[in-house]
Amino acid sequence: MDIEKTISRLKTKKEKLEETTHKYDNYVRLCRTKWYNNHKNDIDVARKTSAIDLAIELINKRIVEIDLHKYALQILPVTLEDIWSNYISKSCSIYINERKECAKYLIENFLPICKKEVLSCI
């Protein structure tokens, strides 16, 4: 695995997501419609960009050095209450296996690209 190439792809994807959101946001403001859909789009992009940030940290750092709880709060949807509470508690765990399980879940379900490369780093 070429780490620099993977990090570059992740950063490029993050920039595209933020750029697309900005363009979409401006379009919606011009139209003065679809405010709810715009809000949902922003939340989805925020989840994906947080997952990308987590992926970059997982590549660069050991799992014990990462504030996994912060990422779990940013990424996990509250609507899935039982899954949310399960993985929030695992993100705070002192056991590395539970932290790894939480990180794998976040990457597998919310990272838009390079999942295999990042999972191999966990």
Protein backbone atom coordinates (compact mmCIF):
# COMPACT_ATOMS: atom_id res chain seq x y z
CA MET A 1 0.00 0.00 0.00
CA ASP A 2 1.31 3.43 -0.96
CA ILE A 3 0.45 5.56 2.08
CA GLU A 4 1.16 8.94 0.47
CA LYS A 5 -1.04 8.07 -2.51
CA THR A 6 -3.90 6.99 -0.24
CA ILE A 7 -3.67 10.13 1.88
CA SER A 8 -3.59 12.25 -1.27
CA ARG A 9 -6.74 10.53 -2.60
CA LEU A 10 -8.50 11.05 0.73
CA LYS A 11 -7.61 14.74 0.87
CA THR A 12 -8.71 15.25 -2.76
CA LYS A 13 -12.05 13.57 -2.04
CA LYS A 14 -12.53 15.76 1.04
CA GLU A 15 -11.85 18.92 -0.97
CA LYS A 16 -14.32 17.82 -3.66
CA LEU A 17 -17.00 17.10 -1.06
CA GLU A 18 -16.56 20.52 0.53
CA GLU A 19 -16.50 22.26 -2.86
CA THR A 20 -19.65 20.47 -4.02
CA THR A 21 -21.44 21.37 -0.79
CA HIS A 22 -20.46 25.00 -1.17
CA LYS A 23 -21.77 25.13 -4.75
CA TYR A 24 -24.99 23.34 -3.76
CA ASP A 25 -25.48 25.66 -0.80
CA ASN A 26 -25.13 28.74 -3.01
CA TYR A 27 -27.57 27.28 -5.54
CA VAL A 28 -30.16 26.60 -2.84
CA ARG A 29 -29.80 30.11 -1.44
CA LEU A 30 -30.46 31.51 -4.92
CA CYS A 31 -33.56 29.38 -5.33
CA ARG A 32 -34.80 29.88 -1.74
CA THR A 33 -36.12 26.32 -1.70
CA LYS A 34 -35.18 22.89 -0.40
CA TRP A 35 -33.75 24.10 2.91
CA TYR A 36 -34.38 20.77 4.59
CA ASN A 37 -32.67 18.82 1.81
CA ASN A 38 -29.74 21.21 1.96
CA HIS A 39 -29.41 20.59 5.69
CA LYS A 40 -29.43 16.81 5.13
CA ASN A 41 -26.75 17.19 2.45
CA ASP A 42 -24.56 19.22 4.81
CA ILE A 43 -24.86 16.58 7.52
CA ASP A 44 -23.96 13.80 5.08
CA VAL A 45 -20.91 15.72 3.85
CA ALA A 46 -19.87 16.44 7.44
CA ARG A 47 -20.03 12.71 8.22
CA LYS A 48 -17.96 11.84 5.16
CA THR A 49 -15.35 14.52 5.80
CA SER A 50 -15.08 13.43 9.45
CA ALA A 51 -14.63 9.83 8.28
CA ILE A 52 -11.87 11.01 5.93
CA ASP A 53 -10.17 12.88 8.80
CA LEU A 54 -10.40 9.74 10.93
CA ALA A 55 -8.95 7.65 8.10
CA ILE A 56 -5.97 10.00 7.75
CA GLU A 57 -5.37 9.85 11.50
CA LEU A 58 -5.61 6.04 11.48
CA ILE A 59 -2.96 5.93 8.77
CA ASN A 60 -0.65 8.35 10.57
CA LYS A 61 -1.15 7.42 14.25
CA ARG A 62 -1.73 4.45 16.49
CA ILE A 63 -5.34 3.86 17.53
CA VAL A 64 -4.62 4.67 21.19
CA GLU A 65 -3.48 8.21 20.23
CA ILE A 66 -6.71 9.08 18.41
CA ASP A 67 -9.73 10.74 20.02
CA LEU A 68 -12.08 8.10 18.64
CA HIS A 69 -14.99 9.30 20.78
CA LYS A 70 -14.98 12.70 19.03
CA TYR A 71 -15.13 11.02 15.61
CA ALA A 72 -17.87 8.61 16.68
CA LEU A 73 -20.00 11.54 17.85
CA GLN A 74 -19.45 13.39 14.55
CA ILE A 75 -20.02 10.42 12.25
CA LEU A 76 -22.64 8.12 13.77
CA PRO A 77 -26.28 9.02 13.08
CA VAL A 78 -28.32 9.36 16.25
CA THR A 79 -31.34 7.80 14.53
CA LEU A 80 -29.76 4.35 14.86
CA GLU A 81 -30.00 4.56 18.64
CA ASP A 82 -28.88 1.05 19.67
CA ILE A 83 -25.96 1.02 17.22
CA TRP A 84 -25.08 4.59 18.22
CA SER A 85 -24.93 3.86 21.95
CA ASN A 86 -23.00 0.61 21.38
CA TYR A 87 -20.26 2.21 19.30
CA ILE A 88 -20.10 5.39 21.39
CA SER A 89 -19.31 3.25 24.42
CA LYS A 90 -16.73 1.26 22.43
CA SER A 91 -15.06 4.47 21.28
CA CYS A 92 -14.39 5.37 24.93
CA SER A 93 -13.21 1.91 25.89
CA ILE A 94 -9.81 1.24 27.41
CA TYR A 95 -9.63 -2.03 25.44
CA ILE A 96 -7.88 -1.76 22.09
CA ASN A 97 -10.05 -4.47 20.48
CA GLU A 98 -13.23 -2.49 21.18
CA ARG A 99 -11.64 0.72 19.88
CA LYS A 100 -10.54 -1.13 16.72
CA GLU A 101 -14.04 -2.53 16.25
CA CYS A 102 -15.53 0.97 16.52
CA ALA A 103 -12.96 2.41 14.06
CA LYS A 104 -13.62 -0.41 11.58
CA TYR A 105 -17.36 0.18 11.77
CA LEU A 106 -16.95 3.91 11.14
CA ILE A 107 -14.60 3.36 8.19
CA GLU A 108 -16.64 0.55 6.60
CA ASN A 109 -19.92 2.45 6.79
CA PHE A 110 -19.04 6.11 6.32
CA LEU A 111 -15.76 6.46 4.42
CA PRO A 112 -16.51 7.20 0.75
CA ILE A 113 -13.20 5.88 -0.71
CA CYS A 114 -10.04 3.84 0.07
CA LYS A 115 -11.76 1.62 2.65
CA LYS A 116 -9.50 -1.42 2.14
CA GLU A 117 -6.31 0.62 2.42
CA VAL A 118 -7.43 2.28 5.64
CA LEU A 119 -8.78 -0.94 7.19
CA SER A 120 -5.40 -2.57 6.64
CA CYS A 121 -3.86 0.13 8.88
CA ILE A 122 -6.16 -0.59 11.84
